[in-house]
C-alpha atoms as a PDB file:
ATOM      1  CA  MET A   1       4.230  23.545 -40.235  1.00  0.00           C
ATOM      2  CA  ALA A   2       2.369  20.581 -38.789  1.00  0.00           C
ATOM      3  CA  ASN A   3       0.512  20.918 -35.526  1.00  0.00           C
ATOM      4  CA  TYR A   4       2.474  21.125 -32.323  1.00  0.00           C
ATOM      5  CA  CYS A   5       1.805  22.464 -28.869  1.00  0.00           C
ATOM      6  CA  THR A   6       4.011  25.050 -27.173  1.00  0.00           C
ATOM      7  CA  LEU A   7       4.371  24.082 -23.537  1.00  0.00           C
ATOM      8  CA  THR A   8       4.317  26.994 -21.118  1.00  0.00           C
ATOM      9  CA  THR A   9       3.549  25.243 -17.823  1.00  0.00           C
ATOM     10  CA  VAL A  10       4.840  22.228 -15.942  1.00  0.00           C
ATOM     11  CA  GLU A  11       1.252  20.964 -15.786  1.00  0.00           C
ATOM     12  CA  GLN A  12       1.084  20.911 -19.602  1.00  0.00           C
ATOM     13  CA  TRP A  13       4.360  18.972 -19.666  1.00  0.00           C
ATOM     14  CA  ASN A  14       3.095  16.463 -17.091  1.00  0.00           C
ATOM     15  CA  GLU A  15      -0.028  15.869 -19.187  1.00  0.00           C
ATOM     16  CA  ALA A  16       1.988  15.425 -22.407  1.00  0.00           C
ATOM     17  CA  PHE A  17       4.425  13.104 -20.625  1.00  0.00           C
ATOM     18  CA  ARG A  18       1.573  10.936 -19.287  1.00  0.00           C
ATOM     19  CA  ALA A  19       0.020  10.801 -22.773  1.00  0.00           C
ATOM     20  CA  SER A  20       3.262   9.311 -24.152  1.00  0.00           C
ATOM     21  CA  ALA A  21       2.009   5.987 -22.770  1.00  0.00           C
ATOM     22  CA  GLU A  22      -0.626   6.051 -25.517  1.00  0.00           C
ATOM     23  CA  LYS A  23       1.144   8.004 -28.259  1.00  0.00           C
ATOM     24  CA  PRO A  24       4.884   8.727 -28.690  1.00  0.00           C
ATOM     25  CA  LEU A  25       5.908  12.334 -28.089  1.00  0.00           C
ATOM     26  CA  LEU A  26       8.675  14.325 -29.762  1.00  0.00           C
ATOM     27  CA  VAL A  27       9.912  17.211 -27.630  1.00  0.00           C
ATOM     28  CA  PHE A  28      11.825  20.080 -29.235  1.00  0.00           C
ATOM     29  CA  LYS A  29      13.717  22.284 -26.762  1.00  0.00           C
ATOM     30  CA  HIS A  30      14.437  25.597 -28.450  1.00  0.00           C
ATOM     31  CA  SER A  31      16.534  28.594 -27.464  1.00  0.00           C
ATOM     32  CA  THR A  32      15.066  31.703 -29.062  1.00  0.00           C
ATOM     33  CA  ARG A  33      18.449  33.459 -28.757  1.00  0.00           C
ATOM     34  CA  CYS A  34      20.670  30.860 -30.406  1.00  0.00           C
ATOM     35  CA  PRO A  35      21.469  30.661 -34.141  1.00  0.00           C
ATOM     36  CA  ILE A  36      22.202  26.933 -33.882  1.00  0.00           C
ATOM     37  CA  SER A  37      18.751  26.458 -32.377  1.00  0.00           C
ATOM     38  CA  ALA A  38      17.217  28.504 -35.201  1.00  0.00           C
ATOM     39  CA  GLY A  39      18.745  26.107 -37.729  1.00  0.00           C
ATOM     40  CA  ALA A  40      17.550  23.055 -35.808  1.00  0.00           C
ATOM     41  CA  TYR A  41      14.076  24.607 -35.561  1.00  0.00           C
ATOM     42  CA  GLU A  42      14.027  24.917 -39.368  1.00  0.00           C
ATOM     43  CA  GLU A  43      14.998  21.262 -39.783  1.00  0.00           C
ATOM     44  CA  TRP A  44      12.323  20.200 -37.289  1.00  0.00           C
ATOM     45  CA  GLY A  45       9.742  22.349 -39.077  1.00  0.00           C
ATOM     46  CA  LYS A  46      10.504  20.828 -42.488  1.00  0.00           C
ATOM     47  CA  TRP A  47      10.335  17.356 -41.015  1.00  0.00           C
ATOM     48  CA  LEU A  48       7.030  18.121 -39.268  1.00  0.00           C
ATOM     49  CA  GLU A  49       5.468  19.220 -42.560  1.00  0.00           C
ATOM     50  CA  ASP A  50       6.260  15.849 -44.117  1.00  0.00           C
ATOM     51  CA  SER A  51       5.547  13.674 -41.088  1.00  0.00           C
ATOM     52  CA  ALA A  52       2.056  14.596 -39.956  1.00  0.00           C
ATOM     53  CA  ASP A  53       0.814  11.066 -40.661  1.00  0.00           C
ATOM     54  CA  LEU A  54       3.176   9.305 -38.236  1.00  0.00           C
ATOM     55  CA  GLY A  55       0.715   9.499 -35.352  1.00  0.00           C
ATOM     56  CA  ILE A  56       3.015  11.019 -32.761  1.00  0.00           C
ATOM     57  CA  GLY A  57       2.645  14.130 -30.629  1.00  0.00           C
ATOM     58  CA  HIS A  58       4.880  17.172 -31.003  1.00  0.00           C
ATOM     59  CA  VAL A  59       5.696  19.804 -28.391  1.00  0.00           C
ATOM     60  CA  LEU A  60       7.928  22.854 -28.351  1.00  0.00           C
ATOM     61  CA  VAL A  61       9.554  24.285 -25.243  1.00  0.00           C
ATOM     62  CA  ARG A  62      11.246  27.676 -25.349  1.00  0.00           C
ATOM     63  CA  VAL A  63      13.983  27.010 -22.817  1.00  0.00           C
ATOM     64  CA  ILE A  64      14.709  30.613 -21.866  1.00  0.00           C
ATOM     65  CA  GLU A  65      11.100  31.689 -21.473  1.00  0.00           C
ATOM     66  CA  GLU A  66       9.892  28.424 -19.899  1.00  0.00           C
ATOM     67  CA  ARG A  67      12.866  27.340 -17.773  1.00  0.00           C
ATOM     68  CA  PRO A  68      10.696  25.453 -15.199  1.00  0.00           C
ATOM     69  CA  VAL A  69       9.200  23.352 -18.019  1.00  0.00           C
ATOM     70  CA  SER A  70      12.647  22.608 -19.426  1.00  0.00           C
ATOM     71  CA  ASN A  71      13.849  21.570 -15.962  1.00  0.00           C
ATOM     72  CA  ALA A  72      10.796  19.316 -15.484  1.00  0.00           C
ATOM     73  CA  ILE A  73      11.544  17.586 -18.789  1.00  0.00           C
ATOM     74  CA  GLU A  74      15.122  16.898 -17.711  1.00  0.00           C
ATOM     75  CA  GLU A  75      13.915  15.518 -14.392  1.00  0.00           C
ATOM     76  CA  ALA A  76      11.181  13.313 -15.895  1.00  0.00           C
ATOM     77  CA  THR A  77      13.250  11.899 -18.765  1.00  0.00           C
ATOM     78  CA  GLY A  78      16.696  11.781 -17.187  1.00  0.00           C
ATOM     79  CA  VAL A  79      18.108  13.462 -20.300  1.00  0.00           C
ATOM     80  CA  LYS A  80      20.627  16.169 -19.402  1.00  0.00           C
ATOM     81  CA  HIS A  81      19.507  19.545 -20.732  1.00  0.00           C
ATOM     82  CA  ALA A  82      20.882  20.955 -23.966  1.00  0.00           C
ATOM     83  CA  SER A  83      19.463  23.378 -26.468  1.00  0.00           C
ATOM     84  CA  PRO A  84      18.563  22.921 -29.091  1.00  0.00           C
ATOM     85  CA  GLN A  85      17.553  19.386 -28.249  1.00  0.00           C
ATOM     86  CA  VAL A  86      15.013  16.793 -29.316  1.00  0.00           C
ATOM     87  CA  ILE A  87      13.814  13.992 -27.090  1.00  0.00           C
ATOM     88  CA  LEU A  88      11.579  11.157 -28.249  1.00  0.00           C
ATOM     89  CA  VAL A  89       9.428   9.876 -25.385  1.00  0.00           C
ATOM     90  CA  LYS A  90       7.575   6.585 -25.686  1.00  0.00           C
ATOM     91  CA  ASP A  91       5.705   4.833 -22.883  1.00  0.00           C
ATOM     92  CA  GLY A  92       6.987   7.432 -20.397  1.00  0.00           C
ATOM     93  CA  LYS A  93      10.662   6.852 -21.268  1.00  0.00           C
ATOM     94  CA  ALA A  94      13.147   8.784 -23.372  1.00  0.00           C
ATOM     95  CA  VAL A  95      14.061   6.364 -26.154  1.00  0.00           C
ATOM     96  CA  TRP A  96      16.211   8.754 -28.204  1.00  0.00           C
ATOM     97  CA  ASN A  97      17.630  12.234 -27.974  1.00  0.00           C
ATOM     98  CA  THR A  98      20.095  14.445 -29.763  1.00  0.00           C
ATOM     99  CA  SER A  99      21.126  18.060 -29.788  1.00  0.00           C
ATOM    100  CA  HIS A 100      22.698  20.918 -31.694  1.00  0.00           C
ATOM    101  CA  TRP A 101      23.832  20.222 -35.270  1.00  0.00           C
ATOM    102  CA  ASN A 102      22.691  16.588 -35.000  1.00  0.00           C
ATOM    103  CA  ILE A 103      19.066  17.747 -35.261  1.00  0.00           C
ATOM    104  CA  THR A 104      18.471  17.212 -38.959  1.00  0.00           C
ATOM    105  CA  TYR A 105      15.550  16.195 -41.115  1.00  0.00           C
ATOM    106  CA  SER A 106      17.168  12.827 -41.789  1.00  0.00           C
ATOM    107  CA  SER A 107      18.062  12.091 -38.149  1.00  0.00           C
ATOM    108  CA  LEU A 108      14.526  12.924 -37.018  1.00  0.00           C
ATOM    109  CA  ASP A 109      12.974  10.796 -39.742  1.00  0.00           C
ATOM    110  CA  GLU A 110      15.272   7.826 -39.186  1.00  0.00           C
ATOM    111  CA  GLN A 111      14.994   7.744 -35.401  1.00  0.00           C
ATOM    112  CA  VAL A 112      11.246   8.349 -35.140  1.00  0.00           C
ATOM    113  CA  ARG A 113      10.533   5.657 -37.724  1.00  0.00           C
ATOM    114  CA  GLN A 114      12.936   3.256 -36.008  1.00  0.00           C
ATOM    115  CA  HIS A 115      11.547   3.774 -32.500  1.00  0.00           C
ATOM    116  CA  CYS A 116       7.890   4.148 -33.416  1.00  0.00           C
ATOM    117  CA  GLY A 117       7.667   1.467 -36.088  1.00  0.00           C
ATOM    118  CA  LYS A 118       6.352   3.866 -38.715  1.00  0.00           C
END
């Protein structure tokens, strides 16, 4: 799988969020206890392998283990929490998000390319 950072602290999230002003950021919120999330995680992983050259950042948040980080993401982006969920952040704003079965290789590829001009 391509490189991504697992966020475990609110400080790490704040840094990643600030960096979205320079480089778009794709956030994957993952529930380690949910089979739907496991399927979405697989789709995200396949997409990451093929999309390393898009020049965007990737972060993973385990929503059960890192609840404060998940809450901080909701507060900063204004996107109501769901899991699994992906949020594309560009210039400090959520420009796209989806959740559950809508997290597919094709939806990730289409939306990131559309919003990031890649």
